[in-house]
Amino acid sequence: MTMGTSLRKESSMIEGLIQDFPEAVPAEAKEMLRELPIKYEDVFSMTEGDLERTTVCKHKIDMGKAKPDRKPLRRQPLQYKDAIDKQLDQMLE
């Protein structure tokens, strides 16, 4: 993806979020909120692919003595095959 394409995608995503704000939100506040992700672009996620691991905190889920529950994979309806393949391809990029 080129830088121009990335900027257009981010801009359209931000505009979509701004449009979802209630009418009661003043125009000045909307403008400030429009600039926020641009100003702090290093801490905002613009796509699913730019999320990474962190070492800032660690967590552990205490499962007691419970054993893992294995279930067989279920077949997906054929009508969802294209959407599933598309999402898998995006995750593998």
C-alpha atoms as a PDB file:
ATOM      1  CA  MET A   1       0.000   0.000   0.000  1.00  0.00           C
ATOM      2  CA  THR A   2       1.418   3.374  -0.978  1.00  0.00           C
ATOM      3  CA  MET A   3       1.664   6.270   1.430  1.00  0.00           C
ATOM      4  CA  GLY A   4      -1.039   8.214  -0.454  1.00  0.00           C
ATOM      5  CA  THR A   5      -3.399   5.242  -0.304  1.00  0.00           C
ATOM      6  CA  SER A   6      -2.685   4.814   3.400  1.00  0.00           C
ATOM      7  CA  LEU A   7      -3.389   8.490   4.126  1.00  0.00           C
ATOM      8  CA  ARG A   8      -6.647   8.397   2.146  1.00  0.00           C
ATOM      9  CA  LYS A   9      -7.745   5.263   3.982  1.00  0.00           C
ATOM     10  CA  GLU A  10      -6.920   6.786   7.380  1.00  0.00           C
ATOM     11  CA  SER A  11      -8.622  10.050   6.454  1.00  0.00           C
ATOM     12  CA  SER A  12     -11.802   8.293   5.339  1.00  0.00           C
ATOM     13  CA  MET A  13     -11.813   6.202   8.516  1.00  0.00           C
ATOM     14  CA  ILE A  14     -11.480   9.320  10.680  1.00  0.00           C
ATOM     15  CA  GLU A  15     -14.231  11.078   8.706  1.00  0.00           C
ATOM     16  CA  GLY A  16     -16.494   8.069   9.211  1.00  0.00           C
ATOM     17  CA  LEU A  17     -15.953   8.255  12.955  1.00  0.00           C
ATOM     18  CA  ILE A  18     -16.580  12.010  13.021  1.00  0.00           C
ATOM     19  CA  GLN A  19     -19.859  11.586  11.112  1.00  0.00           C
ATOM     20  CA  ASP A  20     -21.084   9.157  13.776  1.00  0.00           C
ATOM     21  CA  PHE A  21     -20.832  11.806  16.510  1.00  0.00           C
ATOM     22  CA  PRO A  22     -24.134  13.190  17.796  1.00  0.00           C
ATOM     23  CA  GLU A  23     -25.350  16.522  16.428  1.00  0.00           C
ATOM     24  CA  ALA A  24     -24.862  18.025  19.907  1.00  0.00           C
ATOM     25  CA  VAL A  25     -21.052  17.783  19.612  1.00  0.00           C
ATOM     26  CA  PRO A  26     -19.793  21.278  18.692  1.00  0.00           C
ATOM     27  CA  ALA A  27     -17.868  21.780  15.432  1.00  0.00           C
ATOM     28  CA  GLU A  28     -14.748  22.916  17.357  1.00  0.00           C
ATOM     29  CA  ALA A  29     -14.741  19.653  19.329  1.00  0.00           C
ATOM     30  CA  LYS A  30     -15.156  17.619  16.134  1.00  0.00           C
ATOM     31  CA  GLU A  31     -12.185  19.434  14.583  1.00  0.00           C
ATOM     32  CA  MET A  32     -10.043  18.755  17.669  1.00  0.00           C
ATOM     33  CA  LEU A  33     -11.066  15.084  17.567  1.00  0.00           C
ATOM     34  CA  ARG A  34     -10.296  14.925  13.830  1.00  0.00           C
ATOM     35  CA  GLU A  35      -6.720  16.116  14.489  1.00  0.00           C
ATOM     36  CA  LEU A  36      -6.102  13.878  17.521  1.00  0.00           C
ATOM     37  CA  PRO A  37      -5.274  10.604  15.691  1.00  0.00           C
ATOM     38  CA  ILE A  38      -3.068  12.513  13.246  1.00  0.00           C
ATOM     39  CA  LYS A  39      -1.144  14.259  16.024  1.00  0.00           C
ATOM     40  CA  TYR A  40      -0.653  11.020  17.961  1.00  0.00           C
ATOM     41  CA  GLU A  41      -0.438   8.611  15.019  1.00  0.00           C
ATOM     42  CA  ASP A  42       2.282   6.594  16.771  1.00  0.00           C
ATOM     43  CA  VAL A  43      -0.179   5.407  19.448  1.00  0.00           C
ATOM     44  CA  PHE A  44      -3.362   4.942  17.378  1.00  0.00           C
ATOM     45  CA  SER A  45      -4.108   1.812  15.404  1.00  0.00           C
ATOM     46  CA  MET A  46      -5.427   2.624  11.943  1.00  0.00           C
ATOM     47  CA  THR A  47      -5.687  -0.970  10.696  1.00  0.00           C
ATOM     48  CA  GLU A  48      -5.883  -4.424  12.216  1.00  0.00           C
ATOM     49  CA  GLY A  49      -2.423  -5.181  10.844  1.00  0.00           C
ATOM     50  CA  ASP A  50      -0.542  -2.521  12.802  1.00  0.00           C
ATOM     51  CA  LEU A  51      -1.280  -3.980  16.233  1.00  0.00           C
ATOM     52  CA  GLU A  52       1.768  -5.597  17.771  1.00  0.00           C
ATOM     53  CA  ARG A  53       2.896  -7.201  20.984  1.00  0.00           C
ATOM     54  CA  THR A  54       3.801  -5.277  24.107  1.00  0.00           C
ATOM     55  CA  THR A  55       6.097  -5.801  27.050  1.00  0.00           C
ATOM     56  CA  VAL A  56       4.544  -2.957  29.047  1.00  0.00           C
ATOM     57  CA  CYS A  57       2.416  -5.327  31.105  1.00  0.00           C
ATOM     58  CA  LYS A  58       1.952  -9.032  31.571  1.00  0.00           C
ATOM     59  CA  HIS A  59      -1.087 -11.007  32.571  1.00  0.00           C
ATOM     60  CA  LYS A  60      -1.912 -14.562  33.469  1.00  0.00           C
ATOM     61  CA  ILE A  61      -5.277 -16.272  33.414  1.00  0.00           C
ATOM     62  CA  ASP A  62      -5.653 -18.592  36.404  1.00  0.00           C
ATOM     63  CA  MET A  63      -7.606 -21.602  35.192  1.00  0.00           C
ATOM     64  CA  GLY A  64      -7.187 -23.581  38.385  1.00  0.00           C
ATOM     65  CA  LYS A  65      -6.995 -27.276  37.627  1.00  0.00           C
ATOM     66  CA  ALA A  66      -9.145 -27.067  34.512  1.00  0.00           C
ATOM     67  CA  LYS A  67      -7.846 -28.889  31.465  1.00  0.00           C
ATOM     68  CA  PRO A  68      -8.030 -27.447  27.952  1.00  0.00           C
ATOM     69  CA  ASP A  69     -11.281 -28.235  26.188  1.00  0.00           C
ATOM     70  CA  ARG A  70     -10.615 -29.397  22.613  1.00  0.00           C
ATOM     71  CA  LYS A  71     -13.447 -29.152  20.141  1.00  0.00           C
ATOM     72  CA  PRO A  72     -13.321 -30.264  16.504  1.00  0.00           C
ATOM     73  CA  LEU A  73     -13.363 -27.585  13.822  1.00  0.00           C
ATOM     74  CA  ARG A  74     -16.784 -26.865  12.403  1.00  0.00           C
ATOM     75  CA  ARG A  75     -17.464 -26.498   8.709  1.00  0.00           C
ATOM     76  CA  GLN A  76     -18.440 -23.003   7.660  1.00  0.00           C
ATOM     77  CA  PRO A  77     -21.365 -22.372   5.304  1.00  0.00           C
ATOM     78  CA  LEU A  78     -20.268 -22.017   1.679  1.00  0.00           C
ATOM     79  CA  GLN A  79     -21.801 -18.527   1.472  1.00  0.00           C
ATOM     80  CA  TYR A  80     -19.143 -17.301   3.942  1.00  0.00           C
ATOM     81  CA  LYS A  81     -16.183 -18.923   2.155  1.00  0.00           C
ATOM     82  CA  ASP A  82     -15.152 -15.820   0.166  1.00  0.00           C
ATOM     83  CA  ALA A  83     -15.357 -13.542   3.216  1.00  0.00           C
ATOM     84  CA  ILE A  84     -13.366 -16.015   5.334  1.00  0.00           C
ATOM     85  CA  ASP A  85     -10.695 -16.371   2.634  1.00  0.00           C
ATOM     86  CA  LYS A  86     -10.434 -12.570   2.322  1.00  0.00           C
ATOM     87  CA  GLN A  87      -9.977 -12.143   6.089  1.00  0.00           C
ATOM     88  CA  LEU A  88      -7.372 -14.906   6.188  1.00  0.00           C
ATOM     89  CA  ASP A  89      -5.440 -13.293   3.345  1.00  0.00           C
ATOM     90  CA  GLN A  90      -5.501  -9.933   5.183  1.00  0.00           C
ATOM     91  CA  MET A  91      -4.193 -11.565   8.360  1.00  0.00           C
ATOM     92  CA  LEU A  92      -1.377 -13.268   6.469  1.00  0.00           C
ATOM     93  CA  GLU A  93      -0.164 -10.058   4.802  1.00  0.00           C
END
